[in-house]
PDB file of N, CA and C in Angstrom:
ATOM      1  N   UNK A   1      -9.562  -8.360  -2.623  1.00  0.00           N
ATOM      2  CA  UNK A   1      -8.976  -8.289  -3.788  1.00  0.00           C
ATOM      3  C   UNK A   1      -8.642  -6.563  -3.856  1.00  0.00           C
ATOM      4  N   UNK A   2      -7.500  -6.251  -4.472  1.00  0.00           N
ATOM      5  CA  UNK A   2      -7.374  -5.043  -4.686  1.00  0.00           C
ATOM      6  C   UNK A   2      -7.544  -4.655  -6.109  1.00  0.00           C
ATOM      7  N   UNK A   3      -8.480  -3.569  -6.589  1.00  0.00           N
ATOM      8  CA  UNK A   3      -8.758  -3.503  -7.949  1.00  0.00           C
ATOM      9  C   UNK A   3      -7.879  -2.293  -8.679  1.00  0.00           C
ATOM     10  N   UNK A   4      -7.288  -1.373  -7.592  1.00  0.00           N
ATOM     11  CA  UNK A   4      -6.644  -0.089  -8.204  1.00  0.00           C
ATOM     12  C   UNK A   4      -5.561   0.314  -7.203  1.00  0.00           C
ATOM     13  N   UNK A   5      -4.286  -0.406  -7.504  1.00  0.00           N
ATOM     14  CA  UNK A   5      -3.086  -0.175  -6.512  1.00  0.00           C
ATOM     15  C   UNK A   5      -2.587   1.221  -6.609  1.00  0.00           C
ATOM     16  N   UNK A   6      -3.069   2.007  -7.521  1.00  0.00           N
ATOM     17  CA  UNK A   6      -2.607   3.311  -7.529  1.00  0.00           C
ATOM     18  C   UNK A   6      -3.020   4.112  -6.528  1.00  0.00           C
ATOM     19  N   UNK A   7      -3.972   3.709  -5.804  1.00  0.00           N
ATOM     20  CA  UNK A   7      -4.302   4.524  -4.715  1.00  0.00           C
ATOM     21  C   UNK A   7      -3.647   4.194  -3.321  1.00  0.00           C
ATOM     22  N   UNK A   8      -2.977   3.318  -3.436  1.00  0.00           N
ATOM     23  CA  UNK A   8      -2.298   2.616  -2.172  1.00  0.00           C
ATOM     24  C   UNK A   8      -1.272   3.667  -1.872  1.00  0.00           C
ATOM     25  N   UNK A   9      -0.783   3.734  -0.774  1.00  0.00           N
ATOM     26  CA  UNK A   9       0.567   4.534  -0.196  1.00  0.00           C
ATOM     27  C   UNK A   9       1.472   3.478   0.691  1.00  0.00           C
ATOM     28  N   UNK A  10       2.803   3.968   0.327  1.00  0.00           N
ATOM     29  CA  UNK A  10       3.857   3.054   0.887  1.00  0.00           C
ATOM     30  C   UNK A  10       3.501   3.077   2.425  1.00  0.00           C
ATOM     31  N   UNK A  11       3.874   2.073   3.029  1.00  0.00           N
ATOM     32  CA  UNK A  11       3.654   1.548   4.419  1.00  0.00           C
ATOM     33  C   UNK A  11       2.272   1.034   4.663  1.00  0.00           C
ATOM     34  N   UNK A  12       1.366   1.047   3.842  1.00  0.00           N
ATOM     35  CA  UNK A  12      -0.058   0.393   4.026  1.00  0.00           C
ATOM     36  C   UNK A  12      -0.115  -0.741   4.299  1.00  0.00           C
ATOM     37  N   UNK A  13      -0.802  -1.485   5.082  1.00  0.00           N
ATOM     38  CA  UNK A  13      -1.044  -2.787   5.502  1.00  0.00           C
ATOM     39  C   UNK A  13      -1.917  -3.528   4.537  1.00  0.00           C
ATOM     40  N   UNK A  14      -1.429  -4.446   4.049  1.00  0.00           N
ATOM     41  CA  UNK A  14      -2.165  -5.383   2.958  1.00  0.00           C
ATOM     42  C   UNK A  14      -2.239  -7.018   3.524  1.00  0.00           C
ATOM     43  N   UNK A  15      -3.126  -7.554   3.108  1.00  0.00           N
ATOM     44  CA  UNK A  15      -3.156  -9.091   3.608  1.00  0.00           C
ATOM     45  C   UNK A  15      -3.046  -9.865   2.356  1.00  0.00           C
ATOM     46  N   UNK A  16      -2.430 -10.952   2.427  1.00  0.00           N
ATOM     47  CA  UNK A  16      -2.111 -12.013   1.289  1.00  0.00           C
ATOM     48  C   UNK A  16      -3.396 -12.890   1.234  1.00  0.00           C
ATOM     49  N   UNK A  17      -3.870 -13.319   0.190  1.00  0.00           N
ATOM     50  CA  UNK A  17      -4.999 -14.182  -0.026  1.00  0.00           C
ATOM     51  C   UNK A  17      -4.351 -15.485  -0.206  1.00  0.00           C
ATOM     52  N   UNK A  18      -4.033 -16.532   0.600  1.00  0.00           N
ATOM     53  CA  UNK A  18      -3.452 -17.684   0.552  1.00  0.00           C
ATOM     54  C   UNK A  18      -3.996 -18.597  -0.443  1.00  0.00           C
ATOM     55  N   UNK A  19      -5.168 -18.421  -0.562  1.00  0.00           N
ATOM     56  CA  UNK A  19      -5.838 -19.531  -1.879  1.00  0.00           C
ATOM     57  C   UNK A  19      -5.283 -19.210  -3.087  1.00  0.00           C
ATOM     58  N   UNK A  20      -5.003 -17.922  -3.328  1.00  0.00           N
ATOM     59  CA  UNK A  20      -4.539 -17.444  -4.565  1.00  0.00           C
ATOM     60  C   UNK A  20      -2.925 -17.631  -4.965  1.00  0.00           C
ATOM     61  N   UNK A  21      -2.228 -17.881  -3.759  1.00  0.00           N
ATOM     62  CA  UNK A  21      -0.698 -17.936  -3.964  1.00  0.00           C
ATOM     63  C   UNK A  21      -0.045 -19.284  -3.671  1.00  0.00           C
ATOM     64  N   UNK A  22      -0.962 -20.252  -3.307  1.00  0.00           N
ATOM     65  CA  UNK A  22      -0.545 -21.343  -2.939  1.00  0.00           C
ATOM     66  C   UNK A  22       0.098 -22.054  -4.082  1.00  0.00           C
ATOM     67  N   UNK A  23       0.045 -22.030  -5.124  1.00  0.00           N
ATOM     68  CA  UNK A  23       0.587 -22.536  -6.256  1.00  0.00           C
ATOM     69  C   UNK A  23       1.894 -21.995  -6.804  1.00  0.00           C
ATOM     70  N   UNK A  24       2.220 -20.794  -6.475  1.00  0.00           N
ATOM     71  CA  UNK A  24       3.396 -20.155  -6.852  1.00  0.00           C
ATOM     72  C   UNK A  24       4.336 -19.648  -5.809  1.00  0.00           C
ATOM     73  N   UNK A  25       4.019 -19.935  -4.608  1.00  0.00           N
ATOM     74  CA  UNK A  25       5.001 -19.556  -3.495  1.00  0.00           C
ATOM     75  C   UNK A  25       5.712 -20.942  -2.945  1.00  0.00           C
ATOM     76  N   UNK A  26       6.958 -20.919  -2.640  1.00  0.00           N
ATOM     77  CA  UNK A  26       7.710 -22.053  -1.887  1.00  0.00           C
ATOM     78  C   UNK A  26       6.873 -22.572  -0.678  1.00  0.00           C
ATOM     79  N   UNK A  27       6.436 -23.787  -0.566  1.00  0.00           N
ATOM     80  CA  UNK A  27       5.646 -24.252   0.661  1.00  0.00           C
ATOM     81  C   UNK A  27       6.070 -23.784   1.918  1.00  0.00           C
ATOM     82  N   UNK A  28       7.476 -23.546   2.250  1.00  0.00           N
ATOM     83  CA  UNK A  28       7.682 -22.987   3.363  1.00  0.00           C
ATOM     84  C   UNK A  28       7.156 -21.417   3.721  1.00  0.00           C
ATOM     85  N   UNK A  29       7.403 -20.765   2.592  1.00  0.00           N
ATOM     86  CA  UNK A  29       6.822 -19.343   2.811  1.00  0.00           C
ATOM     87  C   UNK A  29       5.623 -19.386   2.776  1.00  0.00           C
ATOM     88  N   UNK A  30       4.669 -20.409   2.405  1.00  0.00           N
ATOM     89  CA  UNK A  30       3.176 -20.563   2.227  1.00  0.00           C
ATOM     90  C   UNK A  30       2.568 -20.806   3.668  1.00  0.00           C
ATOM     91  N   UNK A  31       3.451 -21.745   4.346  1.00  0.00           N
ATOM     92  CA  UNK A  31       3.112 -22.043   5.522  1.00  0.00           C
ATOM     93  C   UNK A  31       3.401 -21.000   6.716  1.00  0.00           C
ATOM     94  N   UNK A  32       4.529 -20.249   6.504  1.00  0.00           N
ATOM     95  CA  UNK A  32       4.761 -19.108   7.281  1.00  0.00           C
ATOM     96  C   UNK A  32       3.542 -17.851   7.255  1.00  0.00           C
ATOM     97  N   UNK A  33       3.091 -17.719   5.876  1.00  0.00           N
ATOM     98  CA  UNK A  33       2.105 -16.886   5.705  1.00  0.00           C
ATOM     99  C   UNK A  33       0.698 -17.289   6.117  1.00  0.00           C
ATOM    100  N   UNK A  34       0.681 -18.750   6.411  1.00  0.00           N
ATOM    101  CA  UNK A  34      -0.618 -19.225   6.964  1.00  0.00           C
ATOM    102  C   UNK A  34      -0.763 -18.630   8.347  1.00  0.00           C
ATOM    103  N   UNK A  35       0.173 -18.407   8.869  1.00  0.00           N
ATOM    104  CA  UNK A  35       0.101 -17.930  10.529  1.00  0.00           C
ATOM    105  C   UNK A  35       0.275 -16.482  10.454  1.00  0.00           C
ATOM    106  N   UNK A  36       0.717 -16.069   9.621  1.00  0.00           N
ATOM    107  CA  UNK A  36       0.511 -14.372   9.523  1.00  0.00           C
ATOM    108  C   UNK A  36       0.848 -13.685   8.006  1.00  0.00           C
ATOM    109  N   UNK A  37      -0.569 -13.517   7.510  1.00  0.00           N
ATOM    110  CA  UNK A  37      -0.498 -13.176   6.222  1.00  0.00           C
ATOM    111  C   UNK A  37      -0.393 -11.819   5.777  1.00  0.00           C
ATOM    112  N   UNK A  38      -0.126 -11.025   6.606  1.00  0.00           N
ATOM    113  CA  UNK A  38       0.190  -9.660   6.469  1.00  0.00           C
ATOM    114  C   UNK A  38       1.522  -9.060   6.149  1.00  0.00           C
ATOM    115  N   UNK A  39       1.517  -7.706   5.599  1.00  0.00           N
ATOM    116  CA  UNK A  39       2.736  -7.124   5.262  1.00  0.00           C
ATOM    117  C   UNK A  39       2.482  -5.503   5.007  1.00  0.00           C
ATOM    118  N   UNK A  40       3.435  -4.802   4.793  1.00  0.00           N
ATOM    119  CA  UNK A  40       3.485  -3.437   4.551  1.00  0.00           C
ATOM    120  C   UNK A  40       4.025  -3.127   3.068  1.00  0.00           C
ATOM    121  N   UNK A  41       3.187  -2.334   2.421  1.00  0.00           N
ATOM    122  CA  UNK A  41       3.784  -1.967   0.843  1.00  0.00           C
ATOM    123  C   UNK A  41       4.742  -1.426   0.984  1.00  0.00           C
ATOM    124  N   UNK A  42       5.672  -1.611   0.283  1.00  0.00           N
ATOM    125  CA  UNK A  42       7.034  -0.909   0.054  1.00  0.00           C
ATOM    126  C   UNK A  42       7.544  -0.376  -1.272  1.00  0.00           C
ATOM    127  N   UNK A  43       6.783  -1.043  -2.293  1.00  0.00           N
ATOM    128  CA  UNK A  43       7.011  -0.520  -3.559  1.00  0.00           C
ATOM    129  C   UNK A  43       6.428  -1.324  -4.664  1.00  0.00           C
ATOM    130  N   UNK A  44       6.806  -1.504  -5.996  1.00  0.00           N
ATOM    131  CA  UNK A  44       6.351  -2.150  -7.074  1.00  0.00           C
ATOM    132  C   UNK A  44       7.243  -2.672  -7.910  1.00  0.00           C
ATOM    133  N   UNK A  45       6.912  -3.544  -8.518  1.00  0.00           N
ATOM    134  CA  UNK A  45       7.840  -4.307  -9.322  1.00  0.00           C
ATOM    135  C   UNK A  45       7.164  -4.708 -10.763  1.00  0.00           C
ATOM    136  N   UNK A  46       7.807  -4.679 -11.798  1.00  0.00           N
ATOM    137  CA  UNK A  46       7.231  -4.805 -13.275  1.00  0.00           C
ATOM    138  C   UNK A  46       7.405  -6.102 -13.340  1.00  0.00           C
ATOM    139  N   UNK A  47       6.509  -6.890 -13.523  1.00  0.00           N
ATOM    140  CA  UNK A  47       6.495  -8.630 -13.687  1.00  0.00           C
ATOM    141  C   UNK A  47       6.411  -9.040 -15.090  1.00  0.00           C
ATOM    142  N   UNK A  48       5.703  -8.182 -16.137  1.00  0.00           N
ATOM    143  CA  UNK A  48       5.791  -8.683 -17.599  1.00  0.00           C
ATOM    144  C   UNK A  48       5.342  -7.267 -18.189  1.00  0.00           C
ATOM    145  N   UNK A  49       5.157  -7.429 -19.587  1.00  0.00           N
ATOM    146  CA  UNK A  49       4.822  -6.172 -20.289  1.00  0.00           C
ATOM    147  C   UNK A  49       3.725  -5.399 -20.120  1.00  0.00           C
ATOM    148  N   UNK A  50       2.632  -5.806 -19.218  1.00  0.00           N
ATOM    149  CA  UNK A  50       1.305  -5.038 -19.053  1.00  0.00           C
ATOM    150  C   UNK A  50       0.850  -5.198 -17.507  1.00  0.00           C
ATOM    151  N   UNK A  51       1.772  -5.920 -16.589  1.00  0.00           N
ATOM    152  CA  UNK A  51       1.266  -5.972 -15.131  1.00  0.00           C
ATOM    153  C   UNK A  51       2.422  -5.623 -14.613  1.00  0.00           C
ATOM    154  N   UNK A  52       2.129  -5.237 -13.209  1.00  0.00           N
ATOM    155  CA  UNK A  52       3.196  -5.078 -12.257  1.00  0.00           C
ATOM    156  C   UNK A  52       2.605  -5.842 -10.982  1.00  0.00           C
ATOM    157  N   UNK A  53       3.678  -5.933 -10.144  1.00  0.00           N
ATOM    158  CA  UNK A  53       3.280  -6.534  -8.618  1.00  0.00           C
ATOM    159  C   UNK A  53       3.417  -5.692  -7.664  1.00  0.00           C
ATOM    160  N   UNK A  54       3.068  -5.804  -6.538  1.00  0.00           N
ATOM    161  CA  UNK A  54       3.186  -5.033  -5.452  1.00  0.00           C
ATOM    162  C   UNK A  54       4.255  -5.812  -4.226  1.00  0.00           C
ATOM    163  N   UNK A  55       5.095  -5.124  -3.913  1.00  0.00           N
ATOM    164  CA  UNK A  55       6.319  -5.555  -3.051  1.00  0.00           C
ATOM    165  C   UNK A  55       5.573  -5.471  -1.793  1.00  0.00           C
ATOM    166  N   UNK A  56       5.976  -6.350  -0.871  1.00  0.00           N
ATOM    167  CA  UNK A  56       5.604  -6.376   0.556  1.00  0.00           C
ATOM    168  C   UNK A  56       6.612  -6.396   1.406  1.00  0.00           C
ATOM    169  N   UNK A  57       6.792  -5.924   2.442  1.00  0.00           N
ATOM    170  CA  UNK A  57       7.598  -6.271   3.593  1.00  0.00           C
ATOM    171  C   UNK A  57       6.735  -7.245   4.598  1.00  0.00           C
ATOM    172  N   UNK A  58       6.942  -8.555   4.452  1.00  0.00           N
ATOM    173  CA  UNK A  58       5.980  -9.237   5.426  1.00  0.00           C
ATOM    174  C   UNK A  58       6.223  -9.094   6.772  1.00  0.00           C
ATOM    175  N   UNK A  59       5.143  -9.125   7.611  1.00  0.00           N
ATOM    176  CA  UNK A  59       5.337  -9.059   9.153  1.00  0.00           C
ATOM    177  C   UNK A  59       6.269 -10.320   9.683  1.00  0.00           C
ATOM    178  N   UNK A  60       6.256 -11.262   8.703  1.00  0.00           N
ATOM    179  CA  UNK A  60       7.158 -12.671   9.158  1.00  0.00           C
ATOM    180  C   UNK A  60       8.387 -12.334   8.982  1.00  0.00           C
ATOM    181  N   UNK A  61       8.897 -11.353   8.088  1.00  0.00           N
ATOM    182  CA  UNK A  61      10.364 -10.929   7.773  1.00  0.00           C
ATOM    183  C   UNK A  61      10.775 -10.798   6.435  1.00  0.00           C
ATOM    184  N   UNK A  62      10.496 -11.621   5.447  1.00  0.00           N
ATOM    185  CA  UNK A  62      11.025 -11.645   3.957  1.00  0.00           C
ATOM    186  C   UNK A  62      10.158 -10.486   3.257  1.00  0.00           C
ATOM    187  N   UNK A  63      10.890 -10.040   2.191  1.00  0.00           N
ATOM    188  CA  UNK A  63      10.148  -9.116   1.198  1.00  0.00           C
ATOM    189  C   UNK A  63       9.597 -10.120   0.251  1.00  0.00           C
ATOM    190  N   UNK A  64       8.445  -9.804  -0.414  1.00  0.00           N
ATOM    191  CA  UNK A  64       8.011 -10.697  -1.552  1.00  0.00           C
ATOM    192  C   UNK A  64       6.915  -9.899  -2.334  1.00  0.00           C
ATOM    193  N   UNK A  65       6.942 -10.076  -3.632  1.00  0.00           N
ATOM    194  CA  UNK A  65       6.102  -9.445  -4.452  1.00  0.00           C
ATOM    195  C   UNK A  65       4.815 -10.359  -4.770  1.00  0.00           C
ATOM    196  N   UNK A  66       3.573  -9.523  -5.025  1.00  0.00           N
ATOM    197  CA  UNK A  66       2.411 -10.316  -5.102  1.00  0.00           C
ATOM    198  C   UNK A  66       1.320  -9.417  -6.340  1.00  0.00           C
ATOM    199  N   UNK A  67       0.758 -10.280  -7.007  1.00  0.00           N
ATOM    200  CA  UNK A  67      -0.015  -9.396  -7.988  1.00  0.00           C
ATOM    201  C   UNK A  67      -1.345  -8.639  -7.407  1.00  0.00           C
ATOM    202  N   UNK A  68      -1.929  -7.757  -7.679  1.00  0.00           N
ATOM    203  CA  UNK A  68      -3.091  -7.031  -7.024  1.00  0.00           C
ATOM    204  C   UNK A  68      -4.170  -7.994  -6.678  1.00  0.00           C
ATOM    205  N   UNK A  69      -4.448  -8.835  -7.216  1.00  0.00           N
ATOM    206  CA  UNK A  69      -5.560  -9.859  -7.148  1.00  0.00           C
ATOM    207  C   UNK A  69      -5.378 -10.793  -6.009  1.00  0.00           C
ATOM    208  N   UNK A  70      -3.984 -10.810  -5.482  1.00  0.00           N
ATOM    209  CA  UNK A  70      -3.770 -11.824  -4.612  1.00  0.00           C
ATOM    210  C   UNK A  70      -3.757 -11.160  -3.044  1.00  0.00           C
ATOM    211  N   UNK A  71      -3.957 -10.093  -3.146  1.00  0.00           N
ATOM    212  CA  UNK A  71      -3.859  -9.077  -1.645  1.00  0.00           C
ATOM    213  C   UNK A  71      -5.177  -8.374  -1.635  1.00  0.00           C
ATOM    214  N   UNK A  72      -5.358  -8.115  -0.517  1.00  0.00           N
ATOM    215  CA  UNK A  72      -6.617  -7.152   0.050  1.00  0.00           C
ATOM    216  C   UNK A  72      -6.077  -6.232   1.085  1.00  0.00           C
ATOM    217  N   UNK A  73      -7.097  -5.044   1.236  1.00  0.00           N
ATOM    218  CA  UNK A  73      -6.773  -4.029   2.189  1.00  0.00           C
ATOM    219  C   UNK A  73      -6.917  -4.441   3.785  1.00  0.00           C
ATOM    220  N   UNK A  74      -6.269  -3.931   4.832  1.00  0.00           N
ATOM    221  CA  UNK A  74      -6.570  -4.258   6.093  1.00  0.00           C
ATOM    222  C   UNK A  74      -6.848  -2.869   6.688  1.00  0.00           C
ATOM    223  N   UNK A  75      -8.105  -2.918   7.227  1.00  0.00           N
ATOM    224  CA  UNK A  75      -8.482  -1.763   7.868  1.00  0.00           C
ATOM    225  C   UNK A  75      -7.463  -1.478   9.166  1.00  0.00           C
ATOM    226  N   UNK A  76      -7.226  -0.187   9.538  1.00  0.00           N
ATOM    227  CA  UNK A  76      -6.653  -0.130  10.733  1.00  0.00           C
ATOM    228  C   UNK A  76      -7.263  -0.526  11.857  1.00  0.00           C
ATOM    229  N   UNK A  77      -8.406  -0.576  12.222  1.00  0.00           N
ATOM    230  CA  UNK A  77      -9.001  -1.312  13.291  1.00  0.00           C
ATOM    231  C   UNK A  77      -8.848  -2.850  13.275  1.00  0.00           C
ATOM    232  N   UNK A  78      -8.326  -3.717  12.431  1.00  0.00           N
ATOM    233  CA  UNK A  78      -8.363  -5.010  12.269  1.00  0.00           C
ATOM    234  C   UNK A  78      -6.802  -5.406  12.593  1.00  0.00           C
ATOM    235  N   UNK A  79      -5.978  -4.526  12.776  1.00  0.00           N
ATOM    236  CA  UNK A  79      -4.546  -4.673  12.879  1.00  0.00           C
ATOM    237  C   UNK A  79      -4.176  -5.272  14.293  1.00  0.00           C
TER     238      UNK A  79
END
């Protein structure tokens, strides 16, 4: 889980925690993420009055936003 996204840089690799997103993503996207849950940070999205999401360009193709608690950092050695 990411606790402070203000230290992230665009292009940084992140991993989606599938257990935390299975109830809000379309099943087809979730199944695709099951095979490859990684993406690169491309920006931020305001999702309500006091939270924002992180926008990822997923390795499987689409662009999707996630809450901080739905993502984790990937070390360069694990790519």
